[in-house]
Amino acid sequence: MNDVQESFLTPEKFEELKTELEHLKTVRRKEVAESLEYARSLGDLSENAEYQEARDMQAAIEERIGHLEQVIKEAKIVAHKKKGDIVGLGSEVTIQKGKEKENHTYTIVGSEEANIHEHKLSYLSPLGEALMGKGKGDEFTFETPGGKQSYKVLKVA
């Protein structure tokens, strides 16, 4: 099983993971057990693709259950406290890259919640890490594989 570092989750994500875990334990395990039972009834297991597929699915579900149990056990629940002036977990921060006109707004979250399409940035990502502790008006630079990037914090909420 993967070692899970300290995992920061919003209350909503924590509930979402608990719901997924419950679904996997109660519904998906039963479905896979039924698939295994059916595949066994087909006979020779050594050449039974359905049986092998059901076994693989069972292994994947058990791995996900183990991961979720670990994340939930280790999770630190963070709710954004107040409208702050310093970037932290749960902050919504608007930044501007270099001399570009376009602004970008991200919510700083734990790694389990990170999703760039939803503008949720992990505090462990290079940009997220560089943003932590910054305030409105701060300018900062950090290293990326493509070279140094410079940003300015326009707003922290």
N, C-alpha and C. Protein backbone atom coordinates (compact mmCIF):
# COMPACT_ATOMS: atom_id res chain seq x y z
N MET A 1 0.84 -1.18 0.00
CA MET A 1 0.00 0.00 0.00
C MET A 1 0.89 1.24 0.00
N ASN A 2 0.42 2.29 -0.64
CA ASN A 2 1.18 3.54 -0.71
C ASN A 2 1.23 4.20 0.65
N ASP A 3 2.37 4.78 0.97
CA ASP A 3 2.44 5.58 2.18
C ASP A 3 1.77 6.89 1.89
N VAL A 4 0.91 7.30 2.78
CA VAL A 4 0.20 8.56 2.59
C VAL A 4 0.81 9.57 3.52
N GLN A 5 1.24 10.69 2.95
CA GLN A 5 1.74 11.77 3.77
C GLN A 5 0.55 12.42 4.44
N GLU A 6 0.86 13.36 5.31
CA GLU A 6 -0.21 14.12 5.93
C GLU A 6 -1.11 14.62 4.82
N SER A 7 -2.37 14.29 4.91
CA SER A 7 -3.30 14.62 3.85
C SER A 7 -4.27 15.68 4.35
N PHE A 8 -4.29 16.82 3.68
CA PHE A 8 -5.20 17.89 4.04
C PHE A 8 -6.41 17.83 3.13
N LEU A 9 -7.60 17.82 3.74
CA LEU A 9 -8.84 17.73 2.98
C LEU A 9 -9.84 18.76 3.47
N THR A 10 -10.64 19.26 2.54
CA THR A 10 -11.76 20.10 2.96
C THR A 10 -12.82 19.17 3.52
N PRO A 11 -13.73 19.69 4.33
CA PRO A 11 -14.79 18.83 4.86
C PRO A 11 -15.59 18.15 3.74
N GLU A 12 -15.80 18.86 2.62
CA GLU A 12 -16.56 18.29 1.51
C GLU A 12 -15.83 17.10 0.89
N LYS A 13 -14.53 17.23 0.67
CA LYS A 13 -13.75 16.14 0.07
C LYS A 13 -13.68 14.96 1.02
N PHE A 14 -13.56 15.23 2.32
CA PHE A 14 -13.51 14.17 3.33
C PHE A 14 -14.80 13.34 3.25
N GLU A 15 -15.94 14.00 3.18
CA GLU A 15 -17.24 13.31 3.08
C GLU A 15 -17.34 12.54 1.77
N GLU A 16 -16.85 13.14 0.68
CA GLU A 16 -16.87 12.47 -0.63
C GLU A 16 -16.06 11.18 -0.59
N LEU A 17 -14.87 11.22 0.04
CA LEU A 17 -14.03 10.02 0.13
C LEU A 17 -14.67 8.96 1.02
N LYS A 18 -15.30 9.39 2.11
CA LYS A 18 -15.99 8.43 2.99
C LYS A 18 -17.15 7.75 2.25
N THR A 19 -17.88 8.52 1.45
CA THR A 19 -18.98 7.97 0.66
C THR A 19 -18.46 6.97 -0.36
N GLU A 20 -17.36 7.32 -1.04
CA GLU A 20 -16.77 6.40 -2.02
C GLU A 20 -16.33 5.11 -1.34
N LEU A 21 -15.68 5.23 -0.19
CA LEU A 21 -15.21 4.05 0.55
C LEU A 21 -16.38 3.15 0.92
N GLU A 22 -17.45 3.74 1.44
CA GLU A 22 -18.62 2.96 1.82
C GLU A 22 -19.21 2.24 0.60
N HIS A 23 -19.28 2.93 -0.55
CA HIS A 23 -19.79 2.33 -1.78
C HIS A 23 -18.91 1.15 -2.22
N LEU A 24 -17.61 1.34 -2.16
CA LEU A 24 -16.70 0.26 -2.56
C LEU A 24 -16.87 -0.96 -1.65
N LYS A 25 -16.99 -0.72 -0.35
CA LYS A 25 -17.09 -1.82 0.61
C LYS A 25 -18.42 -2.55 0.52
N THR A 26 -19.51 -1.83 0.31
CA THR A 26 -20.82 -2.45 0.35
C THR A 26 -21.33 -2.89 -1.02
N VAL A 27 -21.15 -2.07 -2.04
CA VAL A 27 -21.72 -2.37 -3.35
C VAL A 27 -20.71 -3.05 -4.27
N ARG A 28 -19.57 -2.42 -4.50
CA ARG A 28 -18.61 -2.94 -5.48
C ARG A 28 -18.02 -4.29 -5.08
N ARG A 29 -17.71 -4.46 -3.77
CA ARG A 29 -17.17 -5.75 -3.33
C ARG A 29 -18.16 -6.87 -3.65
N LYS A 30 -19.44 -6.62 -3.39
CA LYS A 30 -20.47 -7.62 -3.63
C LYS A 30 -20.58 -7.92 -5.12
N GLU A 31 -20.56 -6.89 -5.95
CA GLU A 31 -20.65 -7.08 -7.40
C GLU A 31 -19.48 -7.93 -7.91
N VAL A 32 -18.28 -7.64 -7.42
CA VAL A 32 -17.11 -8.40 -7.87
C VAL A 32 -17.16 -9.84 -7.37
N ALA A 33 -17.64 -10.02 -6.14
CA ALA A 33 -17.77 -11.38 -5.61
C ALA A 33 -18.74 -12.19 -6.47
N GLU A 34 -19.83 -11.57 -6.90
CA GLU A 34 -20.79 -12.25 -7.77
C GLU A 34 -20.16 -12.56 -9.13
N SER A 35 -19.37 -11.64 -9.65
CA SER A 35 -18.68 -11.89 -10.93
C SER A 35 -17.70 -13.05 -10.80
N LEU A 36 -16.99 -13.09 -9.68
CA LEU A 36 -16.05 -14.19 -9.44
C LEU A 36 -16.80 -15.52 -9.35
N GLU A 37 -17.90 -15.53 -8.64
CA GLU A 37 -18.70 -16.74 -8.48
C GLU A 37 -19.19 -17.24 -9.85
N TYR A 38 -19.68 -16.31 -10.67
CA TYR A 38 -20.16 -16.67 -12.00
C TYR A 38 -19.01 -17.23 -12.84
N ALA A 39 -17.86 -16.53 -12.82
CA ALA A 39 -16.71 -16.96 -13.63
C ALA A 39 -16.22 -18.33 -13.18
N ARG A 40 -16.24 -18.61 -11.87
CA ARG A 40 -15.84 -19.93 -11.37
C ARG A 40 -16.76 -21.01 -11.93
N SER A 41 -18.04 -20.67 -12.04
CA SER A 41 -19.02 -21.67 -12.50
C SER A 41 -18.80 -22.06 -13.97
N LEU A 42 -18.01 -21.27 -14.68
CA LEU A 42 -17.76 -21.55 -16.09
C LEU A 42 -16.72 -22.65 -16.30
N GLY A 43 -16.05 -23.06 -15.22
CA GLY A 43 -15.12 -24.17 -15.36
C GLY A 43 -13.67 -23.77 -15.25
N ASP A 44 -12.83 -24.37 -16.08
CA ASP A 44 -11.37 -24.26 -16.05
C ASP A 44 -10.91 -22.82 -15.82
N LEU A 45 -10.35 -22.55 -14.63
CA LEU A 45 -9.95 -21.20 -14.25
C LEU A 45 -8.66 -20.76 -14.95
N SER A 46 -7.83 -21.71 -15.37
CA SER A 46 -6.56 -21.33 -15.97
C SER A 46 -6.74 -20.64 -17.33
N GLU A 47 -7.83 -20.93 -18.02
CA GLU A 47 -8.07 -20.31 -19.33
C GLU A 47 -9.34 -19.48 -19.32
N ASN A 48 -9.71 -18.99 -18.16
CA ASN A 48 -10.97 -18.29 -18.00
C ASN A 48 -10.71 -16.78 -17.90
N ALA A 49 -10.92 -16.07 -19.02
CA ALA A 49 -10.65 -14.63 -19.06
C ALA A 49 -11.58 -13.86 -18.12
N GLU A 50 -12.83 -14.28 -18.02
CA GLU A 50 -13.77 -13.60 -17.13
C GLU A 50 -13.32 -13.70 -15.67
N TYR A 51 -12.80 -14.88 -15.30
CA TYR A 51 -12.32 -15.07 -13.94
C TYR A 51 -11.12 -14.16 -13.67
N GLN A 52 -10.19 -14.11 -14.62
CA GLN A 52 -8.99 -13.27 -14.45
C GLN A 52 -9.37 -11.79 -14.36
N GLU A 53 -10.31 -11.37 -15.20
CA GLU A 53 -10.77 -9.99 -15.18
C GLU A 53 -11.42 -9.65 -13.83
N ALA A 54 -12.23 -10.56 -13.33
CA ALA A 54 -12.88 -10.34 -12.02
C ALA A 54 -11.84 -10.28 -10.91
N ARG A 55 -10.82 -11.12 -10.98
CA ARG A 55 -9.74 -11.10 -9.97
C ARG A 55 -8.98 -9.78 -10.02
N ASP A 56 -8.71 -9.28 -11.24
CA ASP A 56 -8.01 -8.00 -11.39
C ASP A 56 -8.86 -6.86 -10.82
N MET A 57 -10.16 -6.90 -11.11
CA MET A 57 -11.06 -5.88 -10.58
C MET A 57 -11.09 -5.94 -9.05
N GLN A 58 -11.13 -7.15 -8.51
CA GLN A 58 -11.14 -7.31 -7.06
C GLN A 58 -9.87 -6.72 -6.45
N ALA A 59 -8.73 -6.97 -7.06
CA ALA A 59 -7.47 -6.43 -6.57
C ALA A 59 -7.47 -4.90 -6.62
N ALA A 60 -7.98 -4.33 -7.71
CA ALA A 60 -8.02 -2.87 -7.85
C ALA A 60 -8.93 -2.25 -6.80
N ILE A 61 -10.08 -2.86 -6.57
CA ILE A 61 -11.01 -2.34 -5.56
C ILE A 61 -10.39 -2.43 -4.16
N GLU A 62 -9.76 -3.54 -3.86
CA GLU A 62 -9.14 -3.70 -2.53
C GLU A 62 -8.01 -2.68 -2.34
N GLU A 63 -7.26 -2.42 -3.41
CA GLU A 63 -6.18 -1.43 -3.32
C GLU A 63 -6.76 -0.04 -3.07
N ARG A 64 -7.84 0.30 -3.78
CA ARG A 64 -8.48 1.61 -3.59
C ARG A 64 -9.07 1.72 -2.18
N ILE A 65 -9.68 0.66 -1.69
CA ILE A 65 -10.23 0.67 -0.33
C ILE A 65 -9.11 0.92 0.67
N GLY A 66 -8.00 0.23 0.52
CA GLY A 66 -6.87 0.42 1.43
C GLY A 66 -6.34 1.85 1.38
N HIS A 67 -6.25 2.39 0.18
CA HIS A 67 -5.77 3.77 0.02
C HIS A 67 -6.73 4.75 0.70
N LEU A 68 -8.02 4.60 0.43
CA LEU A 68 -9.01 5.51 1.03
C LEU A 68 -9.03 5.40 2.55
N GLU A 69 -8.93 4.19 3.06
CA GLU A 69 -8.91 4.02 4.53
C GLU A 69 -7.72 4.75 5.13
N GLN A 70 -6.58 4.64 4.48
CA GLN A 70 -5.37 5.31 4.97
C GLN A 70 -5.52 6.83 4.90
N VAL A 71 -6.02 7.34 3.77
CA VAL A 71 -6.20 8.79 3.60
C VAL A 71 -7.16 9.32 4.66
N ILE A 72 -8.27 8.64 4.84
CA ILE A 72 -9.28 9.08 5.81
C ILE A 72 -8.72 9.04 7.22
N LYS A 73 -7.96 8.00 7.54
CA LYS A 73 -7.36 7.87 8.87
C LYS A 73 -6.36 8.99 9.16
N GLU A 74 -5.57 9.35 8.14
CA GLU A 74 -4.50 10.33 8.32
C GLU A 74 -4.94 11.77 8.05
N ALA A 75 -6.15 11.93 7.53
CA ALA A 75 -6.60 13.25 7.04
C ALA A 75 -6.66 14.30 8.14
N LYS A 76 -6.23 15.48 7.76
CA LYS A 76 -6.41 16.67 8.59
C LYS A 76 -7.45 17.51 7.85
N ILE A 77 -8.56 17.76 8.52
CA ILE A 77 -9.64 18.51 7.89
C ILE A 77 -9.35 20.00 8.04
N VAL A 78 -9.37 20.68 6.92
CA VAL A 78 -9.14 22.12 6.94
C VAL A 78 -10.29 22.84 6.28
N ALA A 79 -10.79 23.80 6.97
CA ALA A 79 -11.81 24.67 6.40
C ALA A 79 -11.17 26.05 6.38
N HIS A 80 -11.39 26.76 5.31
CA HIS A 80 -10.80 28.09 5.22
C HIS A 80 -11.41 28.94 6.32
N LYS A 81 -10.58 29.45 7.18
CA LYS A 81 -11.04 30.14 8.37
C LYS A 81 -11.71 31.47 8.08
N LYS A 82 -10.95 32.42 7.71
CA LYS A 82 -11.50 33.77 7.54
C LYS A 82 -10.97 34.33 6.23
N LYS A 83 -11.56 35.40 5.83
CA LYS A 83 -11.00 36.08 4.67
C LYS A 83 -9.61 36.53 5.12
N GLY A 84 -8.61 35.90 4.58
CA GLY A 84 -7.26 36.17 5.05
C GLY A 84 -6.48 37.00 4.07
N ASP A 85 -5.36 37.45 4.55
CA ASP A 85 -4.48 38.19 3.66
C ASP A 85 -3.22 37.40 3.37
N ILE A 86 -3.14 36.17 3.92
CA ILE A 86 -1.99 35.30 3.69
C ILE A 86 -2.49 34.00 3.07
N VAL A 87 -1.80 33.51 2.04
CA VAL A 87 -2.19 32.29 1.35
C VAL A 87 -1.92 31.08 2.24
N GLY A 88 -2.93 30.25 2.38
CA GLY A 88 -2.83 29.00 3.13
C GLY A 88 -3.79 28.00 2.51
N LEU A 89 -3.90 26.83 3.12
CA LEU A 89 -4.84 25.83 2.63
C LEU A 89 -6.25 26.39 2.66
N GLY A 90 -6.96 26.20 1.59
CA GLY A 90 -8.32 26.70 1.49
C GLY A 90 -8.42 28.11 0.94
N SER A 91 -7.31 28.79 0.82
CA SER A 91 -7.34 30.16 0.28
C SER A 91 -7.68 30.14 -1.20
N GLU A 92 -8.40 31.17 -1.60
CA GLU A 92 -8.61 31.41 -3.03
C GLU A 92 -7.70 32.57 -3.37
N VAL A 93 -6.79 32.34 -4.30
CA VAL A 93 -5.77 33.33 -4.60
C VAL A 93 -5.79 33.66 -6.09
N THR A 94 -5.73 34.94 -6.38
CA THR A 94 -5.67 35.41 -7.77
C THR A 94 -4.26 35.91 -8.02
N ILE A 95 -3.65 35.40 -9.09
CA ILE A 95 -2.26 35.75 -9.41
C ILE A 95 -2.17 36.19 -10.86
N GLN A 96 -1.07 36.87 -11.14
CA GLN A 96 -0.78 37.32 -12.50
C GLN A 96 0.64 36.89 -12.81
N LYS A 97 0.82 36.25 -13.96
CA LYS A 97 2.14 35.77 -14.37
C LYS A 97 2.89 36.87 -15.09
N GLY A 98 4.07 37.18 -14.58
CA GLY A 98 4.95 38.15 -15.23
C GLY A 98 4.25 39.40 -15.67
N LYS A 99 4.37 39.71 -16.94
CA LYS A 99 3.76 40.93 -17.48
C LYS A 99 2.45 40.64 -18.22
N GLU A 100 1.95 39.41 -18.09
CA GLU A 100 0.69 39.07 -18.77
C GLU A 100 -0.46 39.88 -18.21
N LYS A 101 -1.46 40.11 -19.03
CA LYS A 101 -2.65 40.85 -18.60
C LYS A 101 -3.63 39.92 -17.89
N GLU A 102 -3.65 38.65 -18.32
CA GLU A 102 -4.63 37.69 -17.80
C GLU A 102 -4.31 37.27 -16.36
N ASN A 103 -5.36 37.20 -15.54
CA ASN A 103 -5.23 36.74 -14.15
C ASN A 103 -5.67 35.29 -14.06
N HIS A 104 -5.17 34.59 -13.05
CA HIS A 104 -5.56 33.21 -12.79
C HIS A 104 -5.95 33.10 -11.33
N THR A 105 -7.08 32.44 -11.06
CA THR A 105 -7.53 32.25 -9.69
C THR A 105 -7.54 30.77 -9.37
N TYR A 106 -6.95 30.41 -8.23
CA TYR A 106 -6.86 29.03 -7.78
C TYR A 106 -7.28 28.94 -6.33
N THR A 107 -7.77 27.76 -5.96
CA THR A 107 -8.01 27.45 -4.56
C THR A 107 -6.89 26.51 -4.14
N ILE A 108 -6.25 26.80 -3.02
CA ILE A 108 -5.15 25.96 -2.53
C ILE A 108 -5.74 24.82 -1.71
N VAL A 109 -5.43 23.58 -2.13
CA VAL A 109 -6.02 22.39 -1.51
C VAL A 109 -4.94 21.36 -1.23
N GLY A 110 -5.33 20.28 -0.53
CA GLY A 110 -4.44 19.15 -0.32
C GLY A 110 -4.30 18.36 -1.61
N SER A 111 -3.32 17.47 -1.67
CA SER A 111 -3.02 16.76 -2.91
C SER A 111 -4.15 15.84 -3.37
N GLU A 112 -4.95 15.30 -2.47
CA GLU A 112 -6.08 14.43 -2.86
C GLU A 112 -7.13 15.19 -3.65
N GLU A 113 -7.23 16.50 -3.42
CA GLU A 113 -8.28 17.30 -4.06
C GLU A 113 -7.80 18.03 -5.30
N ALA A 114 -6.51 18.08 -5.52
CA ALA A 114 -5.96 18.87 -6.62
C ALA A 114 -6.60 18.47 -7.95
N ASN A 115 -7.02 19.48 -8.70
CA ASN A 115 -7.63 19.26 -10.01
C ASN A 115 -7.52 20.57 -10.78
N ILE A 116 -6.59 20.63 -11.70
CA ILE A 116 -6.30 21.88 -12.41
C ILE A 116 -7.51 22.34 -13.23
N HIS A 117 -8.34 21.41 -13.69
CA HIS A 117 -9.53 21.79 -14.47
C HIS A 117 -10.55 22.52 -13.61
N GLU A 118 -10.52 22.25 -12.30
CA GLU A 118 -11.42 22.94 -11.36
C GLU A 118 -10.70 24.09 -10.66
N HIS A 119 -9.50 24.40 -11.11
CA HIS A 119 -8.67 25.47 -10.54
C HIS A 119 -8.35 25.20 -9.07
N LYS A 120 -8.15 23.91 -8.75
CA LYS A 120 -7.77 23.51 -7.40
C LYS A 120 -6.31 23.08 -7.47
N LEU A 121 -5.47 23.82 -6.79
CA LEU A 121 -4.02 23.67 -6.86
C LEU A 121 -3.49 23.07 -5.56
N SER A 122 -2.72 22.00 -5.66
CA SER A 122 -2.13 21.38 -4.48
C SER A 122 -1.09 22.30 -3.85
N TYR A 123 -1.11 22.36 -2.52
CA TYR A 123 -0.11 23.14 -1.82
C TYR A 123 1.28 22.52 -1.97
N LEU A 124 1.33 21.27 -2.46
CA LEU A 124 2.62 20.59 -2.67
C LEU A 124 3.17 20.78 -4.08
N SER A 125 2.35 21.33 -4.99
CA SER A 125 2.82 21.57 -6.35
C SER A 125 3.83 22.72 -6.32
N PRO A 126 4.67 22.84 -7.33
CA PRO A 126 5.66 23.93 -7.32
C PRO A 126 5.01 25.32 -7.15
N LEU A 127 3.93 25.59 -7.88
CA LEU A 127 3.27 26.89 -7.74
C LEU A 127 2.58 27.01 -6.39
N GLY A 128 1.90 25.95 -5.98
CA GLY A 128 1.22 25.97 -4.68
C GLY A 128 2.19 26.20 -3.54
N GLU A 129 3.31 25.52 -3.59
CA GLU A 129 4.34 25.67 -2.56
C GLU A 129 4.89 27.10 -2.54
N ALA A 130 5.10 27.65 -3.72
CA ALA A 130 5.62 29.02 -3.82
C ALA A 130 4.60 30.04 -3.30
N LEU A 131 3.31 29.74 -3.43
CA LEU A 131 2.27 30.66 -2.99
C LEU A 131 2.06 30.67 -1.47
N MET A 132 2.31 29.54 -0.83
CA MET A 132 2.05 29.42 0.61
C MET A 132 2.76 30.54 1.39
N GLY A 133 1.97 31.22 2.23
CA GLY A 133 2.53 32.27 3.08
C GLY A 133 2.64 33.63 2.41
N LYS A 134 2.33 33.71 1.13
CA LYS A 134 2.41 35.00 0.42
C LYS A 134 1.16 35.82 0.73
N GLY A 135 1.25 37.12 0.49
CA GLY A 135 0.12 38.01 0.71
C GLY A 135 -0.14 38.86 -0.51
N LYS A 136 -1.25 39.59 -0.47
CA LYS A 136 -1.62 40.47 -1.57
C LYS A 136 -0.48 41.44 -1.87
N GLY A 137 -0.14 41.56 -3.15
CA GLY A 137 0.93 42.47 -3.57
C GLY A 137 2.30 41.82 -3.63
N ASP A 138 2.46 40.64 -3.02
CA ASP A 138 3.76 39.95 -3.05
C ASP A 138 4.10 39.49 -4.46
N GLU A 139 5.36 39.65 -4.82
CA GLU A 139 5.86 39.11 -6.07
C GLU A 139 6.81 37.99 -5.71
N PHE A 140 6.79 36.94 -6.51
CA PHE A 140 7.64 35.79 -6.20
C PHE A 140 8.06 35.09 -7.48
N THR A 141 9.14 34.34 -7.38
CA THR A 141 9.70 33.58 -8.49
C THR A 141 9.95 32.17 -8.00
N PHE A 142 9.71 31.20 -8.87
CA PHE A 142 10.03 29.81 -8.52
C PHE A 142 10.47 29.06 -9.76
N GLU A 143 11.16 27.95 -9.53
CA GLU A 143 11.72 27.14 -10.62
C GLU A 143 10.69 26.16 -11.16
N THR A 144 10.64 26.04 -12.47
CA THR A 144 9.84 25.01 -13.12
C THR A 144 10.75 24.30 -14.11
N PRO A 145 10.32 23.17 -14.64
CA PRO A 145 11.15 22.51 -15.65
C PRO A 145 11.44 23.43 -16.84
N GLY A 146 10.55 24.39 -17.09
CA GLY A 146 10.74 25.31 -18.21
C GLY A 146 11.51 26.57 -17.84
N GLY A 147 12.06 26.62 -16.63
CA GLY A 147 12.81 27.79 -16.19
C GLY A 147 12.08 28.54 -15.08
N LYS A 148 12.63 29.69 -14.71
CA LYS A 148 12.03 30.48 -13.63
C LYS A 148 10.74 31.14 -14.09
N GLN A 149 9.78 31.16 -13.20
CA GLN A 149 8.49 31.80 -13.46
C GLN A 149 8.28 32.88 -12.40
N SER A 150 7.81 34.03 -12.81
CA SER A 150 7.55 35.13 -11.88
C SER A 150 6.06 35.44 -11.87
N TYR A 151 5.54 35.64 -10.66
CA TYR A 151 4.12 35.94 -10.47
C TYR A 151 3.97 37.05 -9.45
N LYS A 152 2.75 37.61 -9.44
CA LYS A 152 2.37 38.60 -8.43
C LYS A 152 1.02 38.17 -7.87
N VAL A 153 0.88 38.27 -6.54
CA VAL A 153 -0.39 37.94 -5.88
C VAL A 153 -1.27 39.19 -5.95
N LEU A 154 -2.43 39.05 -6.58
CA LEU A 154 -3.34 40.18 -6.73
C LEU A 154 -4.41 40.21 -5.64
N LYS A 155 -4.81 39.00 -5.20
CA LYS A 155 -5.91 38.93 -4.23
C LYS A 155 -5.84 37.63 -3.47
N VAL A 156 -6.13 37.66 -2.17
CA VAL A 156 -6.22 36.46 -1.35
C VAL A 156 -7.57 36.51 -0.64
N ALA A 157 -8.36 35.46 -0.80
CA ALA A 157 -9.68 35.42 -0.13
C ALA A 157 -9.82 34.11 0.60
